[in-house]
Structure formats: C-alpha cells, structure tokens
Amino acid sequence: MHALAIAHAIISLLTLLAGLAAWRLTSSRSVMFLAFFGSACLLFSAHFVQTGQQTQLTYFIPFMVFALFAGRAIGLGYRSRTEALLRLPSLFLGGAALLALGASLAAFLTT
C-alpha cells in the first residue's frame, strides 16, 4: 500500500473526527454534512493515490476540501466575535482545513 494513500486515509479520519467534534458543539447539520463530505472526498483522493489514476485529483480534491473547511472556519471565527461559544468549533474546522491542505501539498509534491 502506498504511504501517501495511508496518510490520506488517516487525514480523512482525523478530518471526520474534527468535524464531528465541531458538530457536537454547534448542533449544525451543515457542519455534520461538511464533515462527512470532506472525509469521503479525502477517501476518494486516497483511492486515486493508490490506483495511480487521475493524478490531478490526488491534490485537487484535498485542496477543495481545504477550501470548504477554511471557509466555514473563517465564517464561524467571524461570528465568534459576538458568540463566544463558536470559537472552539471554528478552531476544530480550521485544524481540519490545515490537515486537508497538508494532504494536498503532500500529493502535489510527490506527483
């Protein structure tokens, strides 16, 4: 098994856990959907790394997941100025965004 595919699968799991932690704090369906969607996309990226097909998608998919999580984290961070309870979910989603960016950069540098 390819080491990058294993890394993408682990990052997928960590992204799911961070998203679910943020969901537990906010009870927002959109955060839960984002967590599942982002994790599934990262697993597809791991599949493409393992099979060697569609090498562009191995770094494009994680980058798009990064953009989704970063946008949501920035939005929650902005709202946390008035609602202090949103600070921690914003940090969880920001961490998931950084994990996805790391997966994207790793795939880009190895292909």
N, C-alpha and C. Protein backbone atom coordinates (compact mmCIF):
# COMPACT_ATOMS: atom_id res chain seq x y z
N MET A 1 0.84 -1.17 0.00
CA MET A 1 0.00 0.00 0.00
C MET A 1 0.89 1.24 0.00
N HIS A 2 0.50 2.21 -0.74
CA HIS A 2 1.26 3.44 -0.89
C HIS A 2 1.18 4.28 0.38
N ALA A 3 2.32 4.83 0.81
CA ALA A 3 2.35 5.59 2.07
C ALA A 3 1.47 6.84 2.00
N LEU A 4 1.41 7.47 0.83
CA LEU A 4 0.58 8.66 0.69
C LEU A 4 -0.90 8.31 0.80
N ALA A 5 -1.28 7.13 0.30
CA ALA A 5 -2.68 6.71 0.42
C ALA A 5 -3.04 6.47 1.89
N ILE A 6 -2.12 5.91 2.64
CA ILE A 6 -2.36 5.71 4.07
C ILE A 6 -2.48 7.05 4.78
N ALA A 7 -1.62 7.99 4.41
CA ALA A 7 -1.68 9.33 5.00
C ALA A 7 -3.01 10.01 4.69
N HIS A 8 -3.49 9.87 3.45
CA HIS A 8 -4.78 10.47 3.09
C HIS A 8 -5.92 9.82 3.86
N ALA A 9 -5.84 8.51 4.08
CA ALA A 9 -6.90 7.82 4.84
C ALA A 9 -6.89 8.27 6.31
N ILE A 10 -5.70 8.43 6.88
CA ILE A 10 -5.60 8.89 8.27
C ILE A 10 -6.11 10.32 8.38
N ILE A 11 -5.73 11.17 7.43
CA ILE A 11 -6.20 12.55 7.43
C ILE A 11 -7.71 12.60 7.25
N SER A 12 -8.26 11.67 6.47
CA SER A 12 -9.71 11.60 6.31
C SER A 12 -10.38 11.30 7.63
N LEU A 13 -9.84 10.37 8.38
CA LEU A 13 -10.40 10.03 9.68
C LEU A 13 -10.28 11.19 10.65
N LEU A 14 -9.13 11.85 10.68
CA LEU A 14 -8.95 12.99 11.58
C LEU A 14 -9.87 14.15 11.21
N THR A 15 -10.08 14.34 9.91
CA THR A 15 -10.99 15.38 9.46
C THR A 15 -12.42 15.07 9.91
N LEU A 16 -12.79 13.82 9.79
CA LEU A 16 -14.12 13.42 10.25
C LEU A 16 -14.28 13.63 11.75
N LEU A 17 -13.27 13.27 12.51
CA LEU A 17 -13.35 13.45 13.96
C LEU A 17 -13.42 14.93 14.35
N ALA A 18 -12.63 15.77 13.69
CA ALA A 18 -12.66 17.21 13.99
C ALA A 18 -14.02 17.80 13.60
N GLY A 19 -14.55 17.37 12.46
CA GLY A 19 -15.85 17.86 12.04
C GLY A 19 -16.97 17.42 12.96
N LEU A 20 -16.90 16.18 13.42
CA LEU A 20 -17.92 15.69 14.34
C LEU A 20 -17.82 16.37 15.70
N ALA A 21 -16.60 16.70 16.13
CA ALA A 21 -16.45 17.45 17.39
C ALA A 21 -17.06 18.83 17.24
N ALA A 22 -16.84 19.47 16.09
CA ALA A 22 -17.44 20.79 15.86
C ALA A 22 -18.96 20.67 15.78
N TRP A 23 -19.45 19.61 15.19
CA TRP A 23 -20.89 19.41 15.10
C TRP A 23 -21.51 19.23 16.49
N ARG A 24 -20.82 18.47 17.36
CA ARG A 24 -21.35 18.26 18.70
C ARG A 24 -21.46 19.57 19.47
N LEU A 25 -20.56 20.51 19.16
CA LEU A 25 -20.58 21.79 19.86
C LEU A 25 -21.61 22.75 19.29
N THR A 26 -21.92 22.61 17.99
CA THR A 26 -22.83 23.56 17.35
C THR A 26 -24.21 23.00 17.07
N SER A 27 -24.34 21.69 16.95
CA SER A 27 -25.58 21.02 16.55
C SER A 27 -26.08 21.51 15.19
N SER A 28 -25.15 21.86 14.32
CA SER A 28 -25.49 22.35 13.00
C SER A 28 -25.41 21.21 11.98
N ARG A 29 -26.48 21.02 11.24
CA ARG A 29 -26.48 19.95 10.23
C ARG A 29 -25.47 20.20 9.13
N SER A 30 -25.27 21.46 8.80
CA SER A 30 -24.33 21.76 7.72
C SER A 30 -22.90 21.41 8.12
N VAL A 31 -22.56 21.55 9.38
CA VAL A 31 -21.23 21.16 9.85
C VAL A 31 -21.09 19.64 9.79
N MET A 32 -22.15 18.93 10.17
CA MET A 32 -22.11 17.47 10.10
C MET A 32 -21.98 17.01 8.65
N PHE A 33 -22.74 17.61 7.75
CA PHE A 33 -22.64 17.26 6.34
C PHE A 33 -21.26 17.57 5.80
N LEU A 34 -20.70 18.70 6.19
CA LEU A 34 -19.36 19.07 5.75
C LEU A 34 -18.33 18.06 6.22
N ALA A 35 -18.46 17.58 7.43
CA ALA A 35 -17.53 16.59 7.97
C ALA A 35 -17.59 15.29 7.18
N PHE A 36 -18.79 14.79 6.92
CA PHE A 36 -18.92 13.54 6.17
C PHE A 36 -18.48 13.71 4.72
N PHE A 37 -18.86 14.81 4.10
CA PHE A 37 -18.50 15.05 2.71
C PHE A 37 -16.99 15.20 2.55
N GLY A 38 -16.37 15.97 3.43
CA GLY A 38 -14.93 16.17 3.36
C GLY A 38 -14.17 14.88 3.58
N SER A 39 -14.62 14.07 4.53
CA SER A 39 -13.96 12.80 4.80
C SER A 39 -14.10 11.85 3.61
N ALA A 40 -15.28 11.79 3.01
CA ALA A 40 -15.49 10.93 1.84
C ALA A 40 -14.62 11.39 0.66
N CYS A 41 -14.53 12.68 0.48
CA CYS A 41 -13.69 13.19 -0.62
C CYS A 41 -12.22 12.84 -0.41
N LEU A 42 -11.76 12.92 0.82
CA LEU A 42 -10.37 12.56 1.10
C LEU A 42 -10.14 11.06 0.91
N LEU A 43 -11.15 10.25 1.18
CA LEU A 43 -11.01 8.82 0.90
C LEU A 43 -10.96 8.54 -0.60
N PHE A 44 -11.73 9.30 -1.39
CA PHE A 44 -11.62 9.18 -2.85
C PHE A 44 -10.23 9.56 -3.30
N SER A 45 -9.68 10.59 -2.72
CA SER A 45 -8.33 11.01 -3.06
C SER A 45 -7.32 9.91 -2.72
N ALA A 46 -7.50 9.26 -1.57
CA ALA A 46 -6.63 8.14 -1.20
C ALA A 46 -6.75 7.00 -2.21
N HIS A 47 -7.96 6.76 -2.70
CA HIS A 47 -8.16 5.73 -3.72
C HIS A 47 -7.40 6.07 -5.00
N PHE A 48 -7.46 7.34 -5.41
CA PHE A 48 -6.76 7.75 -6.62
C PHE A 48 -5.25 7.67 -6.45
N VAL A 49 -4.77 7.94 -5.24
CA VAL A 49 -3.33 7.80 -4.98
C VAL A 49 -2.93 6.33 -5.10
N GLN A 50 -3.74 5.45 -4.53
CA GLN A 50 -3.41 4.03 -4.52
C GLN A 50 -3.44 3.42 -5.92
N THR A 51 -4.42 3.81 -6.73
CA THR A 51 -4.55 3.20 -8.05
C THR A 51 -3.65 3.86 -9.09
N GLY A 52 -3.19 5.07 -8.80
CA GLY A 52 -2.33 5.77 -9.76
C GLY A 52 -3.10 6.42 -10.90
N GLN A 53 -4.40 6.45 -10.81
CA GLN A 53 -5.22 7.08 -11.84
C GLN A 53 -5.54 8.51 -11.42
N GLN A 54 -5.82 9.34 -12.40
CA GLN A 54 -6.26 10.71 -12.15
C GLN A 54 -5.35 11.43 -11.15
N THR A 55 -4.07 11.54 -11.48
CA THR A 55 -3.12 12.12 -10.53
C THR A 55 -3.45 13.57 -10.20
N GLN A 56 -4.14 14.27 -11.09
CA GLN A 56 -4.52 15.66 -10.77
C GLN A 56 -5.51 15.69 -9.61
N LEU A 57 -6.38 14.70 -9.53
CA LEU A 57 -7.39 14.68 -8.47
C LEU A 57 -6.79 14.37 -7.10
N THR A 58 -5.59 13.78 -7.08
CA THR A 58 -4.99 13.45 -5.78
C THR A 58 -4.63 14.69 -4.98
N TYR A 59 -4.39 15.80 -5.63
CA TYR A 59 -4.13 17.04 -4.88
C TYR A 59 -5.25 18.06 -5.05
N PHE A 60 -6.07 17.94 -6.07
CA PHE A 60 -7.16 18.89 -6.26
C PHE A 60 -8.29 18.65 -5.26
N ILE A 61 -8.65 17.41 -5.04
CA ILE A 61 -9.74 17.09 -4.11
C ILE A 61 -9.41 17.55 -2.69
N PRO A 62 -8.22 17.22 -2.15
CA PRO A 62 -7.93 17.74 -0.80
C PRO A 62 -7.87 19.26 -0.73
N PHE A 63 -7.45 19.91 -1.82
CA PHE A 63 -7.43 21.36 -1.80
C PHE A 63 -8.84 21.93 -1.74
N MET A 64 -9.77 21.31 -2.45
CA MET A 64 -11.16 21.78 -2.38
C MET A 64 -11.76 21.52 -1.00
N VAL A 65 -11.39 20.40 -0.37
CA VAL A 65 -11.84 20.14 1.00
C VAL A 65 -11.26 21.20 1.93
N PHE A 66 -9.99 21.56 1.70
CA PHE A 66 -9.38 22.65 2.47
C PHE A 66 -10.18 23.93 2.32
N ALA A 67 -10.56 24.26 1.10
CA ALA A 67 -11.30 25.50 0.85
C ALA A 67 -12.65 25.48 1.56
N LEU A 68 -13.34 24.34 1.53
CA LEU A 68 -14.64 24.23 2.21
C LEU A 68 -14.51 24.41 3.72
N PHE A 69 -13.56 23.69 4.31
CA PHE A 69 -13.38 23.77 5.76
C PHE A 69 -12.86 25.14 6.17
N ALA A 70 -11.94 25.71 5.40
CA ALA A 70 -11.39 27.02 5.75
C ALA A 70 -12.47 28.10 5.68
N GLY A 71 -13.31 28.02 4.67
CA GLY A 71 -14.40 29.00 4.56
C GLY A 71 -15.35 28.92 5.73
N ARG A 72 -15.70 27.72 6.11
CA ARG A 72 -16.60 27.55 7.26
C ARG A 72 -15.93 28.00 8.55
N ALA A 73 -14.62 27.69 8.69
CA ALA A 73 -13.89 28.10 9.89
C ALA A 73 -13.78 29.61 9.98
N ILE A 74 -13.55 30.27 8.86
CA ILE A 74 -13.47 31.73 8.86
C ILE A 74 -14.82 32.34 9.21
N GLY A 75 -15.88 31.76 8.66
CA GLY A 75 -17.22 32.25 8.97
C GLY A 75 -17.56 32.09 10.44
N LEU A 76 -17.26 30.94 11.01
CA LEU A 76 -17.53 30.73 12.44
C LEU A 76 -16.62 31.60 13.29
N GLY A 77 -15.39 31.79 12.84
CA GLY A 77 -14.47 32.67 13.57
C GLY A 77 -14.96 34.10 13.60
N TYR A 78 -15.54 34.53 12.50
CA TYR A 78 -16.09 35.89 12.43
C TYR A 78 -17.30 36.02 13.36
N ARG A 79 -18.14 34.99 13.36
CA ARG A 79 -19.31 35.03 14.24
C ARG A 79 -18.95 34.88 15.70
N SER A 80 -17.75 34.32 15.98
CA SER A 80 -17.37 34.11 17.37
C SER A 80 -17.03 35.41 18.08
N ARG A 81 -16.94 36.50 17.34
CA ARG A 81 -16.72 37.80 17.98
C ARG A 81 -17.90 38.17 18.85
N THR A 82 -19.10 37.79 18.40
CA THR A 82 -20.30 38.09 19.18
C THR A 82 -20.82 36.87 19.95
N GLU A 83 -20.52 35.68 19.46
CA GLU A 83 -20.96 34.44 20.11
C GLU A 83 -19.71 33.65 20.50
N ALA A 84 -19.31 33.77 21.73
CA ALA A 84 -18.04 33.18 22.19
C ALA A 84 -18.03 31.65 22.10
N LEU A 85 -19.19 31.03 22.11
CA LEU A 85 -19.25 29.56 22.06
C LEU A 85 -18.82 29.00 20.71
N LEU A 86 -18.74 29.83 19.70
CA LEU A 86 -18.35 29.35 18.37
C LEU A 86 -16.83 29.35 18.15
N ARG A 87 -16.09 29.79 19.13
CA ARG A 87 -14.63 29.86 18.98
C ARG A 87 -14.01 28.46 18.84
N LEU A 88 -14.39 27.53 19.70
CA LEU A 88 -13.83 26.19 19.65
C LEU A 88 -14.22 25.43 18.38
N PRO A 89 -15.49 25.45 17.94
CA PRO A 89 -15.80 24.80 16.66
C PRO A 89 -15.03 25.41 15.49
N SER A 90 -14.80 26.71 15.55
CA SER A 90 -14.01 27.36 14.50
C SER A 90 -12.58 26.82 14.48
N LEU A 91 -12.02 26.59 15.64
CA LEU A 91 -10.67 26.03 15.71
C LEU A 91 -10.63 24.59 15.22
N PHE A 92 -11.65 23.80 15.54
CA PHE A 92 -11.71 22.42 15.05
C PHE A 92 -11.77 22.39 13.52
N LEU A 93 -12.62 23.22 12.95
CA LEU A 93 -12.73 23.24 11.49
C LEU A 93 -11.48 23.81 10.84
N GLY A 94 -10.84 24.76 11.48
CA GLY A 94 -9.57 25.28 10.98
C GLY A 94 -8.48 24.22 11.00
N GLY A 95 -8.46 23.41 12.04
CA GLY A 95 -7.50 22.31 12.10
C GLY A 95 -7.74 21.28 11.01
N ALA A 96 -9.00 20.98 10.76
CA ALA A 96 -9.34 20.04 9.68
C ALA A 96 -8.94 20.62 8.33
N ALA A 97 -9.09 21.94 8.18
CA ALA A 97 -8.68 22.59 6.93
C ALA A 97 -7.18 22.48 6.74
N LEU A 98 -6.43 22.67 7.80
CA LEU A 98 -4.97 22.55 7.68
C LEU A 98 -4.53 21.12 7.38
N LEU A 99 -5.24 20.15 7.92
CA LEU A 99 -4.94 18.75 7.59
C LEU A 99 -5.17 18.48 6.10
N ALA A 100 -6.28 18.98 5.58
CA ALA A 100 -6.58 18.78 4.16
C ALA A 100 -5.55 19.51 3.29
N LEU A 101 -5.11 20.69 3.71
CA LEU A 101 -4.08 21.41 2.96
C LEU A 101 -2.77 20.63 2.97
N GLY A 102 -2.44 20.03 4.09
CA GLY A 102 -1.25 19.18 4.17
C GLY A 102 -1.33 17.98 3.24
N ALA A 103 -2.51 17.37 3.16
CA ALA A 103 -2.70 16.24 2.24
C ALA A 103 -2.54 16.69 0.79
N SER A 104 -3.07 17.87 0.49
CA SER A 104 -2.97 18.39 -0.87
C SER A 104 -1.52 18.69 -1.24
N LEU A 105 -0.80 19.32 -0.34
CA LEU A 105 0.60 19.64 -0.62
C LEU A 105 1.45 18.38 -0.74
N ALA A 106 1.19 17.40 0.12
CA ALA A 106 1.95 16.15 0.04
C ALA A 106 1.71 15.45 -1.29
N ALA A 107 0.46 15.44 -1.74
CA ALA A 107 0.16 14.80 -3.02
C ALA A 107 0.76 15.58 -4.18
N PHE A 108 0.74 16.90 -4.09
CA PHE A 108 1.29 17.72 -5.16
C PHE A 108 2.80 17.54 -5.28
N LEU A 109 3.46 17.47 -4.15
CA LEU A 109 4.92 17.36 -4.17
C LEU A 109 5.41 15.97 -4.57
N THR A 110 4.58 14.95 -4.42
CA THR A 110 5.00 13.60 -4.78
C THR A 110 4.59 13.17 -6.18
N THR A 111 3.73 13.94 -6.84
CA THR A 111 3.33 13.56 -8.21
C THR A 111 4.06 14.37 -9.24
